[in-house]
Amino acid sequence: MASLAAGSGLTTTRAAFIEDAQAHGQLFIHQPYELYSGVNHGVWRRLYSRMLPRWERYATRAFQNGIDALCFPAERIPRLEEINRFLCPLTGFQARAVSGYIPAFLFFDCLRKRQFPTTITIRDEASLDYLPEPDIFHDVAGHVPMHTDRAFADTLVRFGECAHTAV
């Protein structure tokens, strides 16, 4: 596996090991936590501190309960295995690191299997307000809290099952 240069971080720009995984058709990859830089963790920290009061004010109770249940660290990017320790016992779902965009049929197949394809890169400081593609903050803090809700999780599985039969 190719790696990034020391200290360059794991932003949504190109990462050789992700490109290698895509070239070899690997859907799931590991989360190379050691590649996240201090700047990457700082981006998570800024986004999390910015969003927390908004979630408390505007998010549904189920989402807020999910945030509480997942025990996200406010100061750093979470490890997916940490998230899964809390998530899996609640609904059987797991956040799984993927190498990038995946075709819809694979995405729905993952949902059917209670797997949520999760981007592991994070936006850079210049893109705090908008990013055209998902990043780990979008996936983990934006979607995964709802996966802690049994009814919501079961609905995702049903969507995956319906999509599987339609393909």
N, C-alpha and C. Protein backbone atom coordinates (compact mmCIF):
# COMPACT_ATOMS: atom_id res chain seq x y z
N MET A 1 0.84 -1.17 0.00
CA MET A 1 0.00 0.00 0.00
C MET A 1 0.88 1.24 0.00
N ALA A 2 0.61 2.14 -0.89
CA ALA A 2 1.35 3.40 -0.90
C ALA A 2 0.84 4.28 0.22
N SER A 3 1.67 5.16 0.70
CA SER A 3 1.24 6.04 1.78
C SER A 3 1.49 7.49 1.39
N LEU A 4 0.90 8.37 2.17
CA LEU A 4 1.10 9.79 1.96
C LEU A 4 2.40 10.21 2.60
N ALA A 5 2.91 11.33 2.17
CA ALA A 5 4.12 11.87 2.79
C ALA A 5 3.82 12.22 4.24
N ALA A 6 4.78 12.04 5.09
CA ALA A 6 4.60 12.31 6.52
C ALA A 6 4.10 13.73 6.73
N GLY A 7 3.06 13.87 7.54
CA GLY A 7 2.55 15.18 7.91
C GLY A 7 1.61 15.82 6.92
N SER A 8 1.38 15.20 5.76
CA SER A 8 0.52 15.84 4.76
C SER A 8 -0.96 15.66 5.07
N GLY A 9 -1.30 14.73 5.93
CA GLY A 9 -2.68 14.56 6.34
C GLY A 9 -3.48 13.72 5.37
N LEU A 10 -4.76 13.68 5.63
CA LEU A 10 -5.66 12.85 4.84
C LEU A 10 -6.86 13.68 4.43
N THR A 11 -6.62 14.66 3.56
CA THR A 11 -7.70 15.52 3.08
C THR A 11 -8.35 14.87 1.87
N THR A 12 -9.38 15.53 1.36
CA THR A 12 -10.14 14.98 0.25
C THR A 12 -9.42 15.10 -1.08
N THR A 13 -8.20 15.60 -1.06
CA THR A 13 -7.39 15.57 -2.27
C THR A 13 -6.88 14.14 -2.46
N ARG A 14 -6.16 13.90 -3.51
CA ARG A 14 -5.72 12.54 -3.84
C ARG A 14 -4.87 11.91 -2.75
N ALA A 15 -5.11 10.63 -2.54
CA ALA A 15 -4.28 9.82 -1.63
C ALA A 15 -3.94 8.54 -2.38
N ALA A 16 -2.67 8.26 -2.52
CA ALA A 16 -2.22 7.14 -3.35
C ALA A 16 -2.82 5.81 -2.91
N PHE A 17 -2.91 5.55 -1.61
CA PHE A 17 -3.43 4.25 -1.18
C PHE A 17 -4.91 4.10 -1.53
N ILE A 18 -5.65 5.21 -1.55
CA ILE A 18 -7.06 5.15 -1.95
C ILE A 18 -7.15 4.91 -3.45
N GLU A 19 -6.33 5.60 -4.22
CA GLU A 19 -6.32 5.38 -5.67
C GLU A 19 -5.93 3.94 -5.99
N ASP A 20 -4.98 3.38 -5.26
CA ASP A 20 -4.59 1.97 -5.45
C ASP A 20 -5.77 1.04 -5.16
N ALA A 21 -6.48 1.30 -4.08
CA ALA A 21 -7.63 0.47 -3.71
C ALA A 21 -8.70 0.54 -4.80
N GLN A 22 -8.96 1.73 -5.31
CA GLN A 22 -9.95 1.88 -6.37
C GLN A 22 -9.50 1.15 -7.63
N ALA A 23 -8.23 1.28 -7.97
CA ALA A 23 -7.71 0.62 -9.18
C ALA A 23 -7.81 -0.89 -9.09
N HIS A 24 -7.73 -1.43 -7.88
CA HIS A 24 -7.81 -2.88 -7.68
C HIS A 24 -9.22 -3.34 -7.30
N GLY A 25 -10.19 -2.45 -7.40
CA GLY A 25 -11.58 -2.81 -7.15
C GLY A 25 -11.91 -3.11 -5.70
N GLN A 26 -11.10 -2.61 -4.78
CA GLN A 26 -11.38 -2.83 -3.36
C GLN A 26 -12.48 -1.88 -2.91
N LEU A 27 -13.55 -2.45 -2.38
CA LEU A 27 -14.63 -1.62 -1.85
C LEU A 27 -14.26 -1.11 -0.47
N PHE A 28 -13.92 -2.01 0.42
CA PHE A 28 -13.60 -1.62 1.80
C PHE A 28 -12.09 -1.51 1.98
N ILE A 29 -11.69 -0.52 2.74
CA ILE A 29 -10.28 -0.31 3.05
C ILE A 29 -10.17 -0.10 4.56
N HIS A 30 -8.97 -0.04 5.06
CA HIS A 30 -8.80 0.29 6.48
C HIS A 30 -8.72 1.81 6.63
N GLN A 31 -8.98 2.28 7.82
CA GLN A 31 -8.84 3.70 8.12
C GLN A 31 -7.42 3.92 8.64
N PRO A 32 -6.54 4.48 7.83
CA PRO A 32 -5.15 4.68 8.25
C PRO A 32 -5.03 5.87 9.20
N TYR A 33 -5.41 5.65 10.42
CA TYR A 33 -5.54 6.73 11.39
C TYR A 33 -4.26 7.55 11.55
N GLU A 34 -3.13 6.89 11.39
CA GLU A 34 -1.84 7.58 11.56
C GLU A 34 -1.60 8.64 10.50
N LEU A 35 -2.37 8.62 9.41
CA LEU A 35 -2.18 9.61 8.35
C LEU A 35 -2.91 10.93 8.63
N TYR A 36 -3.84 10.93 9.59
CA TYR A 36 -4.50 12.19 9.91
C TYR A 36 -3.51 13.12 10.60
N SER A 37 -3.46 14.35 10.12
CA SER A 37 -2.54 15.34 10.68
C SER A 37 -3.25 16.14 11.78
N GLY A 38 -2.47 16.93 12.48
CA GLY A 38 -3.05 17.85 13.46
C GLY A 38 -4.04 18.80 12.82
N VAL A 39 -3.75 19.21 11.60
CA VAL A 39 -4.68 20.09 10.87
C VAL A 39 -5.98 19.35 10.59
N ASN A 40 -5.90 18.08 10.19
CA ASN A 40 -7.11 17.28 9.95
C ASN A 40 -7.97 17.21 11.21
N HIS A 41 -7.36 16.92 12.33
CA HIS A 41 -8.09 16.85 13.60
C HIS A 41 -8.66 18.22 13.97
N GLY A 42 -7.93 19.28 13.64
CA GLY A 42 -8.42 20.63 13.88
C GLY A 42 -9.66 20.95 13.06
N VAL A 43 -9.71 20.46 11.83
CA VAL A 43 -10.90 20.65 10.99
C VAL A 43 -12.09 19.95 11.64
N TRP A 44 -11.90 18.70 12.07
CA TRP A 44 -12.99 17.98 12.77
C TRP A 44 -13.45 18.79 13.99
N ARG A 45 -12.50 19.25 14.79
CA ARG A 45 -12.80 19.99 16.02
C ARG A 45 -13.62 21.24 15.71
N ARG A 46 -13.22 21.98 14.67
CA ARG A 46 -13.95 23.20 14.30
C ARG A 46 -15.35 22.88 13.81
N LEU A 47 -15.47 21.87 12.96
CA LEU A 47 -16.78 21.50 12.44
C LEU A 47 -17.69 21.00 13.56
N TYR A 48 -17.15 20.16 14.42
CA TYR A 48 -17.95 19.60 15.51
C TYR A 48 -18.43 20.70 16.46
N SER A 49 -17.54 21.61 16.83
CA SER A 49 -17.93 22.68 17.76
C SER A 49 -18.92 23.64 17.10
N ARG A 50 -18.84 23.78 15.80
CA ARG A 50 -19.79 24.63 15.07
C ARG A 50 -21.16 23.96 14.97
N MET A 51 -21.17 22.64 14.74
CA MET A 51 -22.44 21.95 14.50
C MET A 51 -23.17 21.56 15.79
N LEU A 52 -22.48 21.29 16.86
CA LEU A 52 -23.12 20.81 18.08
C LEU A 52 -24.28 21.70 18.54
N PRO A 53 -24.12 23.02 18.63
CA PRO A 53 -25.26 23.84 19.04
C PRO A 53 -26.40 23.82 18.02
N ARG A 54 -26.07 23.65 16.76
CA ARG A 54 -27.12 23.57 15.73
C ARG A 54 -27.90 22.26 15.86
N TRP A 55 -27.19 21.16 16.12
CA TRP A 55 -27.88 19.89 16.33
C TRP A 55 -28.79 19.98 17.55
N GLU A 56 -28.28 20.59 18.61
CA GLU A 56 -29.08 20.71 19.83
C GLU A 56 -30.33 21.54 19.60
N ARG A 57 -30.25 22.50 18.71
CA ARG A 57 -31.40 23.38 18.47
C ARG A 57 -32.35 22.84 17.40
N TYR A 58 -31.80 22.26 16.32
CA TYR A 58 -32.63 21.94 15.16
C TYR A 58 -32.82 20.46 14.86
N ALA A 59 -31.94 19.61 15.32
CA ALA A 59 -32.00 18.19 14.93
C ALA A 59 -33.13 17.47 15.66
N THR A 60 -33.58 16.39 15.04
CA THR A 60 -34.61 15.56 15.67
C THR A 60 -34.06 14.94 16.94
N ARG A 61 -34.95 14.53 17.81
CA ARG A 61 -34.55 13.86 19.05
C ARG A 61 -33.77 12.59 18.73
N ALA A 62 -34.19 11.84 17.69
CA ALA A 62 -33.48 10.60 17.33
C ALA A 62 -32.04 10.89 16.94
N PHE A 63 -31.82 11.96 16.20
CA PHE A 63 -30.45 12.34 15.81
C PHE A 63 -29.64 12.72 17.04
N GLN A 64 -30.21 13.54 17.91
CA GLN A 64 -29.51 13.95 19.12
C GLN A 64 -29.18 12.75 20.01
N ASN A 65 -30.12 11.82 20.11
CA ASN A 65 -29.85 10.60 20.87
C ASN A 65 -28.70 9.82 20.25
N GLY A 66 -28.64 9.81 18.92
CA GLY A 66 -27.55 9.14 18.23
C GLY A 66 -26.21 9.78 18.50
N ILE A 67 -26.16 11.10 18.49
CA ILE A 67 -24.92 11.81 18.81
C ILE A 67 -24.46 11.42 20.22
N ASP A 68 -25.40 11.40 21.15
CA ASP A 68 -25.06 11.03 22.53
C ASP A 68 -24.59 9.58 22.62
N ALA A 69 -25.29 8.68 21.93
CA ALA A 69 -24.97 7.25 22.01
C ALA A 69 -23.61 6.91 21.41
N LEU A 70 -23.20 7.66 20.39
CA LEU A 70 -21.95 7.34 19.70
C LEU A 70 -20.71 7.90 20.39
N CYS A 71 -20.92 8.81 21.33
CA CYS A 71 -19.79 9.36 22.11
C CYS A 71 -18.66 9.88 21.22
N PHE A 72 -19.02 10.66 20.19
CA PHE A 72 -17.99 11.22 19.32
C PHE A 72 -17.00 12.05 20.12
N PRO A 73 -15.73 11.92 19.83
CA PRO A 73 -14.76 12.83 20.45
C PRO A 73 -14.86 14.20 19.77
N ALA A 74 -14.99 15.24 20.54
CA ALA A 74 -15.09 16.58 19.96
C ALA A 74 -13.74 17.08 19.46
N GLU A 75 -12.66 16.56 20.01
CA GLU A 75 -11.34 17.12 19.75
C GLU A 75 -10.57 16.45 18.62
N ARG A 76 -11.10 15.33 18.09
CA ARG A 76 -10.35 14.61 17.06
C ARG A 76 -11.29 13.78 16.20
N ILE A 77 -10.79 13.39 15.04
CA ILE A 77 -11.53 12.49 14.15
C ILE A 77 -11.67 11.15 14.86
N PRO A 78 -12.88 10.60 14.90
CA PRO A 78 -13.03 9.30 15.56
C PRO A 78 -12.51 8.15 14.71
N ARG A 79 -12.08 7.12 15.36
CA ARG A 79 -11.75 5.87 14.68
C ARG A 79 -13.07 5.14 14.42
N LEU A 80 -13.20 4.55 13.24
CA LEU A 80 -14.44 3.84 12.92
C LEU A 80 -14.70 2.70 13.88
N GLU A 81 -13.64 2.03 14.34
CA GLU A 81 -13.87 0.93 15.29
C GLU A 81 -14.43 1.45 16.61
N GLU A 82 -14.10 2.67 17.00
CA GLU A 82 -14.70 3.27 18.20
C GLU A 82 -16.19 3.49 17.99
N ILE A 83 -16.53 4.03 16.85
CA ILE A 83 -17.94 4.27 16.53
C ILE A 83 -18.70 2.95 16.53
N ASN A 84 -18.12 1.94 15.89
CA ASN A 84 -18.80 0.65 15.77
C ASN A 84 -18.99 -0.04 17.11
N ARG A 85 -18.13 0.21 18.07
CA ARG A 85 -18.30 -0.36 19.41
C ARG A 85 -19.61 0.10 20.03
N PHE A 86 -20.02 1.32 19.73
CA PHE A 86 -21.28 1.85 20.25
C PHE A 86 -22.44 1.54 19.31
N LEU A 87 -22.20 1.63 18.01
CA LEU A 87 -23.26 1.50 17.01
C LEU A 87 -23.76 0.07 16.84
N CYS A 88 -22.87 -0.86 16.66
CA CYS A 88 -23.25 -2.24 16.34
C CYS A 88 -24.19 -2.87 17.37
N PRO A 89 -23.94 -2.73 18.67
CA PRO A 89 -24.88 -3.33 19.63
C PRO A 89 -26.28 -2.72 19.59
N LEU A 90 -26.40 -1.49 19.12
CA LEU A 90 -27.70 -0.83 19.09
C LEU A 90 -28.57 -1.33 17.94
N THR A 91 -27.99 -1.41 16.73
CA THR A 91 -28.80 -1.74 15.55
C THR A 91 -28.16 -2.74 14.61
N GLY A 92 -26.96 -3.17 14.91
CA GLY A 92 -26.25 -4.09 14.03
C GLY A 92 -25.51 -3.40 12.89
N PHE A 93 -25.67 -2.09 12.76
CA PHE A 93 -24.97 -1.36 11.70
C PHE A 93 -23.51 -1.18 12.04
N GLN A 94 -22.69 -1.06 10.99
CA GLN A 94 -21.28 -0.74 11.12
C GLN A 94 -20.91 0.31 10.09
N ALA A 95 -20.09 1.27 10.50
CA ALA A 95 -19.49 2.21 9.56
C ALA A 95 -18.27 1.52 8.97
N ARG A 96 -18.23 1.42 7.64
CA ARG A 96 -17.13 0.72 6.95
C ARG A 96 -16.40 1.69 6.03
N ALA A 97 -15.11 1.78 6.19
CA ALA A 97 -14.30 2.68 5.36
C ALA A 97 -14.31 2.21 3.92
N VAL A 98 -14.55 3.15 3.00
CA VAL A 98 -14.55 2.84 1.57
C VAL A 98 -13.54 3.73 0.86
N SER A 99 -13.21 3.30 -0.35
CA SER A 99 -12.18 3.98 -1.13
C SER A 99 -12.71 5.16 -1.93
N GLY A 100 -13.95 5.51 -1.78
CA GLY A 100 -14.52 6.64 -2.51
C GLY A 100 -15.95 6.36 -2.90
N TYR A 101 -16.41 7.10 -3.90
CA TYR A 101 -17.77 6.87 -4.38
C TYR A 101 -17.94 5.42 -4.78
N ILE A 102 -19.09 4.87 -4.47
CA ILE A 102 -19.38 3.51 -4.90
C ILE A 102 -20.68 3.52 -5.68
N PRO A 103 -20.85 2.61 -6.63
CA PRO A 103 -22.08 2.57 -7.41
C PRO A 103 -23.29 2.33 -6.51
N ALA A 104 -24.43 2.83 -6.95
CA ALA A 104 -25.66 2.74 -6.15
C ALA A 104 -25.98 1.30 -5.76
N PHE A 105 -25.80 0.34 -6.68
CA PHE A 105 -26.17 -1.03 -6.34
C PHE A 105 -25.30 -1.57 -5.21
N LEU A 106 -24.03 -1.16 -5.14
CA LEU A 106 -23.17 -1.58 -4.04
C LEU A 106 -23.53 -0.85 -2.75
N PHE A 107 -23.87 0.41 -2.86
CA PHE A 107 -24.28 1.18 -1.68
C PHE A 107 -25.50 0.53 -1.03
N PHE A 108 -26.51 0.24 -1.83
CA PHE A 108 -27.73 -0.36 -1.27
C PHE A 108 -27.49 -1.78 -0.79
N ASP A 109 -26.58 -2.50 -1.44
CA ASP A 109 -26.24 -3.83 -0.96
C ASP A 109 -25.58 -3.74 0.42
N CYS A 110 -24.76 -2.73 0.62
CA CYS A 110 -24.16 -2.51 1.94
C CYS A 110 -25.24 -2.23 2.98
N LEU A 111 -26.20 -1.38 2.65
CA LEU A 111 -27.27 -1.08 3.60
C LEU A 111 -28.03 -2.35 3.97
N ARG A 112 -28.28 -3.18 2.98
CA ARG A 112 -28.98 -4.45 3.21
C ARG A 112 -28.24 -5.30 4.23
N LYS A 113 -26.93 -5.18 4.25
CA LYS A 113 -26.07 -5.95 5.16
C LYS A 113 -25.72 -5.17 6.43
N ARG A 114 -26.41 -4.05 6.65
CA ARG A 114 -26.18 -3.19 7.82
C ARG A 114 -24.74 -2.65 7.86
N GLN A 115 -24.26 -2.28 6.69
CA GLN A 115 -22.95 -1.65 6.56
C GLN A 115 -23.16 -0.27 5.94
N PHE A 116 -22.57 0.74 6.54
CA PHE A 116 -22.67 2.08 5.97
C PHE A 116 -21.32 2.48 5.38
N PRO A 117 -21.26 2.59 4.03
CA PRO A 117 -20.01 3.01 3.38
C PRO A 117 -19.61 4.41 3.85
N THR A 118 -18.42 4.51 4.41
CA THR A 118 -17.99 5.74 5.07
C THR A 118 -16.68 6.25 4.47
N THR A 119 -16.72 7.48 4.02
CA THR A 119 -15.53 8.13 3.50
C THR A 119 -14.58 8.42 4.65
N ILE A 120 -13.29 8.23 4.45
CA ILE A 120 -12.34 8.43 5.54
C ILE A 120 -11.50 9.70 5.40
N THR A 121 -11.57 10.36 4.26
CA THR A 121 -10.84 11.61 4.10
C THR A 121 -11.64 12.74 4.75
N ILE A 122 -10.98 13.85 5.00
CA ILE A 122 -11.65 15.01 5.60
C ILE A 122 -11.34 16.25 4.77
N ARG A 123 -12.29 17.14 4.72
CA ARG A 123 -12.11 18.39 3.96
C ARG A 123 -10.94 19.20 4.51
N ASP A 124 -10.44 20.12 3.70
CA ASP A 124 -9.37 20.98 4.19
C ASP A 124 -9.98 22.24 4.81
N GLU A 125 -9.14 23.05 5.41
CA GLU A 125 -9.61 24.24 6.13
C GLU A 125 -10.33 25.24 5.22
N ALA A 126 -9.99 25.25 3.95
CA ALA A 126 -10.61 26.19 3.01
C ALA A 126 -12.02 25.76 2.61
N SER A 127 -12.41 24.55 2.96
CA SER A 127 -13.71 24.01 2.54
C SER A 127 -14.63 23.71 3.72
N LEU A 128 -14.50 24.44 4.81
CA LEU A 128 -15.32 24.14 5.99
C LEU A 128 -16.81 24.25 5.71
N ASP A 129 -17.21 25.24 4.92
CA ASP A 129 -18.63 25.49 4.70
C ASP A 129 -19.26 24.65 3.60
N TYR A 130 -18.47 24.20 2.66
CA TYR A 130 -19.04 23.43 1.54
C TYR A 130 -17.98 22.53 0.95
N LEU A 131 -18.40 21.33 0.65
CA LEU A 131 -17.54 20.36 -0.02
C LEU A 131 -18.43 19.59 -0.99
N PRO A 132 -18.06 19.50 -2.28
CA PRO A 132 -18.94 18.83 -3.24
C PRO A 132 -19.06 17.32 -3.03
N GLU A 133 -18.07 16.71 -2.40
CA GLU A 133 -18.14 15.27 -2.16
C GLU A 133 -18.19 15.02 -0.65
N PRO A 134 -18.71 13.87 -0.25
CA PRO A 134 -18.76 13.58 1.18
C PRO A 134 -17.36 13.38 1.76
N ASP A 135 -17.24 13.68 3.04
CA ASP A 135 -16.01 13.40 3.77
C ASP A 135 -16.40 12.69 5.06
N ILE A 136 -15.43 12.41 5.92
CA ILE A 136 -15.74 11.65 7.13
C ILE A 136 -16.67 12.43 8.06
N PHE A 137 -16.54 13.75 8.09
CA PHE A 137 -17.46 14.51 8.94
C PHE A 137 -18.88 14.39 8.42
N HIS A 138 -19.06 14.54 7.13
CA HIS A 138 -20.38 14.41 6.52
C HIS A 138 -20.98 13.04 6.82
N ASP A 139 -20.21 11.99 6.57
CA ASP A 139 -20.73 10.64 6.74
C ASP A 139 -20.96 10.28 8.20
N VAL A 140 -19.94 10.50 9.03
CA VAL A 140 -20.01 10.05 10.42
C VAL A 140 -20.92 10.95 11.26
N ALA A 141 -20.73 12.25 11.18
CA ALA A 141 -21.52 13.15 12.02
C ALA A 141 -22.85 13.52 11.39
N GLY A 142 -22.98 13.36 10.07
CA GLY A 142 -24.21 13.73 9.39
C GLY A 142 -25.19 12.59 9.19
N HIS A 143 -24.70 11.37 9.02
CA HIS A 143 -25.57 10.22 8.75
C HIS A 143 -25.61 9.21 9.89
N VAL A 144 -24.46 8.83 10.39
CA VAL A 144 -24.37 7.70 11.32
C VAL A 144 -25.20 7.88 12.60
N PRO A 145 -25.38 9.09 13.13
CA PRO A 145 -26.22 9.20 14.34
C PRO A 145 -27.63 8.61 14.14
N MET A 146 -28.18 8.74 12.96
CA MET A 146 -29.52 8.17 12.72
C MET A 146 -29.48 6.65 12.65
N HIS A 147 -28.32 6.08 12.38
CA HIS A 147 -28.21 4.62 12.33
C HIS A 147 -28.31 3.99 13.70
N THR A 148 -28.29 4.80 14.75
CA THR A 148 -28.48 4.28 16.11
C THR A 148 -29.96 4.05 16.43
N ASP A 149 -30.83 4.60 15.62
CA ASP A 149 -32.27 4.47 15.82
C ASP A 149 -32.76 3.19 15.14
N ARG A 150 -33.33 2.28 15.91
CA ARG A 150 -33.72 0.96 15.39
C ARG A 150 -34.68 1.08 14.19
N ALA A 151 -35.71 1.91 14.29
CA ALA A 151 -36.67 2.02 13.19
C ALA A 151 -36.00 2.58 11.94
N PHE A 152 -35.17 3.58 12.10
CA PHE A 152 -34.47 4.16 10.95
C PHE A 152 -33.53 3.13 10.34
N ALA A 153 -32.77 2.44 11.17
CA ALA A 153 -31.82 1.43 10.69
C ALA A 153 -32.55 0.33 9.93
N ASP A 154 -33.66 -0.13 10.47
CA ASP A 154 -34.43 -1.18 9.80
C ASP A 154 -34.98 -0.70 8.47
N THR A 155 -35.34 0.58 8.39
CA THR A 155 -35.82 1.15 7.13
C THR A 155 -34.69 1.19 6.10
N LEU A 156 -33.48 1.53 6.52
CA LEU A 156 -32.35 1.50 5.60
C LEU A 156 -32.12 0.10 5.05
N VAL A 157 -32.22 -0.89 5.92
CA VAL A 157 -32.05 -2.29 5.49
C VAL A 157 -33.13 -2.63 4.46
N ARG A 158 -34.34 -2.20 4.72
CA ARG A 158 -35.45 -2.49 3.78
C ARG A 158 -35.20 -1.80 2.44
N PHE A 159 -34.72 -0.57 2.45
CA PHE A 159 -34.35 0.10 1.20
C PHE A 159 -33.32 -0.73 0.45
N GLY A 160 -32.32 -1.20 1.17
CA GLY A 160 -31.29 -2.03 0.56
C GLY A 160 -31.86 -3.31 -0.04
N GLU A 161 -32.79 -3.93 0.67
CA GLU A 161 -33.43 -5.16 0.16
C GLU A 161 -34.24 -4.88 -1.09
N CYS A 162 -35.00 -3.80 -1.07
CA CYS A 162 -35.81 -3.43 -2.25
C CYS A 162 -34.92 -3.12 -3.44
N ALA A 163 -33.85 -2.38 -3.22
CA ALA A 163 -32.94 -2.05 -4.31
C ALA A 163 -32.27 -3.31 -4.84
N HIS A 164 -31.96 -4.25 -3.97
CA HIS A 164 -31.32 -5.51 -4.39
C HIS A 164 -32.23 -6.30 -5.33
N THR A 165 -33.51 -6.32 -5.04
CA THR A 165 -34.43 -7.07 -5.90
C THR A 165 -34.73 -6.33 -7.20
N ALA A 166 -34.52 -5.00 -7.20
CA ALA A 166 -34.80 -4.21 -8.40
C ALA A 166 -33.67 -4.27 -9.41
N VAL A 167 -32.49 -4.65 -8.97
CA VAL A 167 -31.32 -4.65 -9.87
C VAL A 167 -31.21 -5.96 -10.60
